[in-house]
């Protein structure tokens, strides 16, 4: 576990922390941990059930789609021809 020291905490804040900790039945240290933990959880983005691609699609879907006319492929690609007797020495 890490240790955190908080300096220059004014007396009013320290008193409020002590009172709040007593109300919750905790030490000041545990109350501070709870407050920090809650603040960090509140800052996390909510998990989404959709994946990134679906979220991007939803974002741009309102702009409408584009229909493209693709030309017919007139010839098939030809495979590469390799010479078996190629000399690889310099």
N, C-alpha and C. Protein backbone atom coordinates (compact mmCIF):
# COMPACT_ATOMS: atom_id res chain seq x y z
N UNK A 1 0.83 -1.19 0.00
CA UNK A 1 0.00 0.00 0.00
C UNK A 1 0.87 1.25 0.00
N UNK A 2 0.40 2.27 -0.64
CA UNK A 2 1.13 3.53 -0.71
C UNK A 2 0.76 4.42 0.47
N UNK A 3 1.65 5.34 0.79
CA UNK A 3 1.41 6.31 1.86
C UNK A 3 1.28 7.68 1.23
N UNK A 4 0.31 8.45 1.72
CA UNK A 4 0.06 9.79 1.20
C UNK A 4 0.06 10.76 2.37
N UNK A 5 0.84 11.81 2.27
CA UNK A 5 0.87 12.84 3.30
C UNK A 5 0.23 14.09 2.73
N UNK A 6 -0.70 14.67 3.46
CA UNK A 6 -1.37 15.89 3.00
C UNK A 6 -0.92 17.03 3.90
N UNK A 7 -0.22 17.98 3.31
CA UNK A 7 0.29 19.13 4.06
C UNK A 7 -0.62 20.34 3.84
N UNK A 8 -0.51 21.28 4.74
CA UNK A 8 -1.20 22.57 4.64
C UNK A 8 -2.72 22.42 4.57
N UNK A 9 -3.27 21.46 5.29
CA UNK A 9 -4.71 21.28 5.37
C UNK A 9 -5.22 22.21 6.46
N UNK A 10 -6.14 23.09 6.12
CA UNK A 10 -6.59 24.05 7.13
C UNK A 10 -7.38 23.36 8.24
N UNK A 11 -7.42 23.98 9.39
CA UNK A 11 -8.04 23.40 10.59
C UNK A 11 -9.52 23.13 10.39
N UNK A 12 -10.21 24.00 9.65
CA UNK A 12 -11.64 23.81 9.41
C UNK A 12 -11.92 22.52 8.65
N UNK A 13 -11.13 22.27 7.62
CA UNK A 13 -11.29 21.05 6.83
C UNK A 13 -10.95 19.82 7.67
N UNK A 14 -9.90 19.93 8.45
CA UNK A 14 -9.51 18.81 9.31
C UNK A 14 -10.60 18.51 10.33
N UNK A 15 -11.20 19.55 10.90
CA UNK A 15 -12.28 19.37 11.87
C UNK A 15 -13.49 18.70 11.20
N UNK A 16 -13.83 19.17 10.01
CA UNK A 16 -14.96 18.57 9.28
C UNK A 16 -14.70 17.10 8.98
N UNK A 17 -13.47 16.78 8.60
CA UNK A 17 -13.11 15.40 8.32
C UNK A 17 -13.23 14.55 9.59
N UNK A 18 -12.76 15.08 10.71
CA UNK A 18 -12.83 14.35 11.98
C UNK A 18 -14.28 14.10 12.37
N UNK A 19 -15.14 15.11 12.23
CA UNK A 19 -16.56 14.98 12.59
C UNK A 19 -17.25 13.98 11.67
N UNK A 20 -16.99 14.09 10.37
CA UNK A 20 -17.61 13.17 9.41
C UNK A 20 -17.15 11.74 9.67
N UNK A 21 -15.87 11.56 9.98
CA UNK A 21 -15.35 10.23 10.28
C UNK A 21 -16.04 9.65 11.52
N UNK A 22 -16.23 10.48 12.54
CA UNK A 22 -16.89 10.03 13.76
C UNK A 22 -18.34 9.64 13.48
N UNK A 23 -19.01 10.41 12.62
CA UNK A 23 -20.40 10.09 12.26
C UNK A 23 -20.49 8.73 11.56
N UNK A 24 -19.47 8.41 10.77
CA UNK A 24 -19.47 7.14 10.04
C UNK A 24 -18.79 6.02 10.82
N UNK A 25 -18.29 6.33 12.00
CA UNK A 25 -17.66 5.31 12.83
C UNK A 25 -16.31 4.85 12.29
N UNK A 26 -15.57 5.76 11.66
CA UNK A 26 -14.27 5.43 11.08
C UNK A 26 -13.20 6.38 11.62
N UNK A 27 -11.97 5.99 11.39
CA UNK A 27 -10.86 6.89 11.71
C UNK A 27 -10.80 7.97 10.63
N UNK A 28 -10.08 9.04 10.93
CA UNK A 28 -9.92 10.10 9.92
C UNK A 28 -9.20 9.56 8.68
N UNK A 29 -8.24 8.70 8.92
CA UNK A 29 -7.48 8.13 7.81
C UNK A 29 -8.38 7.27 6.91
N UNK A 30 -9.23 6.45 7.50
CA UNK A 30 -10.14 5.62 6.71
C UNK A 30 -11.18 6.48 6.01
N UNK A 31 -11.62 7.53 6.66
CA UNK A 31 -12.59 8.45 6.04
C UNK A 31 -11.97 9.12 4.82
N UNK A 32 -10.71 9.55 4.94
CA UNK A 32 -10.02 10.18 3.81
C UNK A 32 -9.86 9.17 2.66
N UNK A 33 -9.51 7.91 2.97
CA UNK A 33 -9.41 6.88 1.93
C UNK A 33 -10.74 6.69 1.22
N UNK A 34 -11.81 6.65 2.01
CA UNK A 34 -13.16 6.45 1.43
C UNK A 34 -13.53 7.61 0.51
N UNK A 35 -13.24 8.83 0.95
CA UNK A 35 -13.55 10.01 0.13
C UNK A 35 -12.75 9.99 -1.17
N UNK A 36 -11.46 9.68 -1.08
CA UNK A 36 -10.62 9.64 -2.28
C UNK A 36 -11.09 8.53 -3.22
N UNK A 37 -11.38 7.35 -2.67
CA UNK A 37 -11.87 6.23 -3.48
C UNK A 37 -13.16 6.60 -4.21
N UNK A 38 -14.09 7.25 -3.50
CA UNK A 38 -15.37 7.66 -4.12
C UNK A 38 -15.15 8.68 -5.22
N UNK A 39 -14.23 9.61 -5.00
CA UNK A 39 -13.94 10.62 -6.02
C UNK A 39 -13.34 9.99 -7.27
N UNK A 40 -12.48 9.00 -7.09
CA UNK A 40 -11.86 8.33 -8.24
C UNK A 40 -12.88 7.50 -9.01
N UNK A 41 -13.79 6.84 -8.31
CA UNK A 41 -14.83 6.05 -8.97
C UNK A 41 -15.78 6.95 -9.76
N UNK A 42 -16.08 8.13 -9.23
CA UNK A 42 -16.99 9.06 -9.91
C UNK A 42 -16.37 9.59 -11.19
N UNK A 43 -15.05 9.65 -11.26
CA UNK A 43 -14.37 10.18 -12.43
C UNK A 43 -14.20 9.19 -13.57
N UNK A 44 -14.48 7.91 -13.32
CA UNK A 44 -14.33 6.89 -14.36
C UNK A 44 -15.47 7.00 -15.35
N UNK A 45 -15.16 6.82 -16.65
CA UNK A 45 -16.25 6.81 -17.63
C UNK A 45 -17.12 5.57 -17.46
N UNK A 46 -18.39 5.72 -17.71
CA UNK A 46 -19.31 4.61 -17.58
C UNK A 46 -18.99 3.56 -18.64
N UNK A 47 -18.98 2.29 -18.28
CA UNK A 47 -18.69 1.25 -19.27
C UNK A 47 -19.81 1.18 -20.31
N UNK A 48 -19.43 1.02 -21.54
CA UNK A 48 -20.41 0.96 -22.62
C UNK A 48 -20.57 -0.49 -23.06
N UNK A 49 -21.80 -0.85 -23.37
CA UNK A 49 -22.03 -2.22 -23.82
C UNK A 49 -21.68 -2.38 -25.29
N UNK A 50 -21.50 -1.26 -26.00
CA UNK A 50 -21.16 -1.32 -27.42
C UNK A 50 -19.65 -1.22 -27.60
N UNK A 51 -19.17 -1.83 -28.64
CA UNK A 51 -17.75 -1.76 -28.99
C UNK A 51 -17.43 -0.44 -29.68
N UNK A 52 -16.15 -0.21 -29.90
CA UNK A 52 -15.70 1.04 -30.51
C UNK A 52 -16.28 1.22 -31.90
N UNK A 53 -16.26 0.18 -32.72
CA UNK A 53 -16.79 0.30 -34.08
C UNK A 53 -18.27 0.67 -34.10
N UNK A 54 -19.04 0.07 -33.21
CA UNK A 54 -20.47 0.39 -33.14
C UNK A 54 -20.69 1.82 -32.68
N UNK A 55 -19.88 2.27 -31.74
CA UNK A 55 -20.03 3.66 -31.27
C UNK A 55 -19.67 4.65 -32.36
N UNK A 56 -18.61 4.35 -33.14
CA UNK A 56 -18.24 5.24 -34.26
C UNK A 56 -19.36 5.25 -35.30
N UNK A 57 -19.90 4.07 -35.61
CA UNK A 57 -21.00 4.00 -36.59
C UNK A 57 -22.20 4.82 -36.11
N UNK A 58 -22.57 4.67 -34.86
CA UNK A 58 -23.71 5.43 -34.31
C UNK A 58 -23.46 6.93 -34.38
N UNK A 59 -22.21 7.32 -34.15
CA UNK A 59 -21.88 8.74 -34.16
C UNK A 59 -22.09 9.36 -35.55
N UNK A 60 -21.71 8.62 -36.60
CA UNK A 60 -21.79 9.16 -37.95
C UNK A 60 -23.04 8.73 -38.70
N UNK A 61 -23.87 7.86 -38.15
CA UNK A 61 -25.05 7.34 -38.84
C UNK A 61 -26.03 8.46 -39.19
N UNK A 62 -26.12 9.47 -38.35
CA UNK A 62 -27.08 10.55 -38.62
C UNK A 62 -26.70 11.37 -39.85
N UNK A 63 -25.45 11.26 -40.30
CA UNK A 63 -25.03 11.99 -41.51
C UNK A 63 -25.51 11.31 -42.78
N UNK A 64 -25.89 10.07 -42.69
CA UNK A 64 -26.35 9.32 -43.86
C UNK A 64 -25.21 8.54 -44.48
N UNK A 65 -25.59 7.58 -45.28
CA UNK A 65 -24.60 6.72 -45.91
C UNK A 65 -24.26 7.20 -47.31
N UNK A 66 -23.30 6.55 -47.91
CA UNK A 66 -22.87 6.86 -49.27
C UNK A 66 -22.93 5.56 -50.06
N UNK A 67 -23.60 5.58 -51.18
CA UNK A 67 -23.66 4.42 -52.05
C UNK A 67 -22.66 4.63 -53.18
N UNK A 68 -21.74 3.71 -53.33
CA UNK A 68 -20.73 3.82 -54.36
C UNK A 68 -21.01 2.82 -55.47
N UNK A 69 -20.85 3.26 -56.72
CA UNK A 69 -20.95 2.37 -57.87
C UNK A 69 -19.56 1.83 -58.14
N UNK A 70 -19.36 0.56 -57.85
CA UNK A 70 -18.06 -0.06 -58.07
C UNK A 70 -17.99 -0.64 -59.46
N UNK A 71 -16.90 -0.37 -60.17
CA UNK A 71 -16.78 -0.94 -61.52
C UNK A 71 -16.54 -2.45 -61.43
N UNK A 72 -16.97 -3.14 -62.49
CA UNK A 72 -16.75 -4.58 -62.56
C UNK A 72 -15.26 -4.83 -62.80
N UNK A 73 -14.73 -5.86 -62.17
CA UNK A 73 -13.34 -6.21 -62.36
C UNK A 73 -13.21 -6.92 -63.70
N UNK A 74 -12.39 -6.36 -64.59
CA UNK A 74 -12.32 -6.90 -65.94
C UNK A 74 -11.33 -8.05 -66.09
N UNK A 75 -10.32 -8.08 -65.27
CA UNK A 75 -9.36 -9.17 -65.39
C UNK A 75 -8.95 -9.64 -63.99
N UNK A 76 -8.58 -10.89 -63.93
CA UNK A 76 -8.13 -11.44 -62.67
C UNK A 76 -6.65 -11.13 -62.48
N UNK A 77 -6.23 -10.96 -61.26
CA UNK A 77 -4.80 -10.70 -61.04
C UNK A 77 -3.99 -11.95 -61.40
N UNK A 78 -2.79 -11.72 -61.88
CA UNK A 78 -1.93 -12.84 -62.24
C UNK A 78 -0.94 -13.09 -61.11
N UNK A 79 -0.67 -14.35 -60.81
CA UNK A 79 0.27 -14.65 -59.74
C UNK A 79 1.70 -14.31 -60.14
N UNK A 80 2.52 -14.05 -59.17
CA UNK A 80 3.93 -13.76 -59.43
C UNK A 80 4.63 -15.00 -59.96
N UNK A 81 5.58 -14.81 -60.87
CA UNK A 81 6.35 -15.91 -61.44
C UNK A 81 7.76 -15.85 -60.85
N UNK A 82 8.21 -16.95 -60.26
CA UNK A 82 9.53 -17.01 -59.67
C UNK A 82 10.37 -17.99 -60.50
N UNK A 83 11.60 -17.57 -60.78
CA UNK A 83 12.54 -18.42 -61.51
C UNK A 83 13.22 -19.34 -60.51
N UNK A 84 13.15 -20.62 -60.72
CA UNK A 84 13.70 -21.60 -59.79
C UNK A 84 15.23 -21.52 -59.74
N UNK A 85 15.86 -21.15 -60.82
CA UNK A 85 17.32 -21.15 -60.89
C UNK A 85 17.94 -19.82 -60.51
N UNK A 86 17.31 -19.04 -59.71
CA UNK A 86 17.84 -17.74 -59.29
C UNK A 86 19.04 -17.94 -58.40
N UNK A 87 20.14 -17.25 -58.69
CA UNK A 87 21.37 -17.33 -57.90
C UNK A 87 21.32 -16.22 -56.87
N UNK A 88 21.31 -16.58 -55.58
CA UNK A 88 21.19 -15.59 -54.50
C UNK A 88 22.54 -15.13 -53.99
N UNK A 89 23.64 -15.70 -54.46
CA UNK A 89 24.97 -15.28 -54.01
C UNK A 89 25.36 -13.98 -54.68
N UNK A 90 26.13 -13.12 -53.93
CA UNK A 90 26.53 -11.80 -54.52
C UNK A 90 27.56 -11.92 -55.60
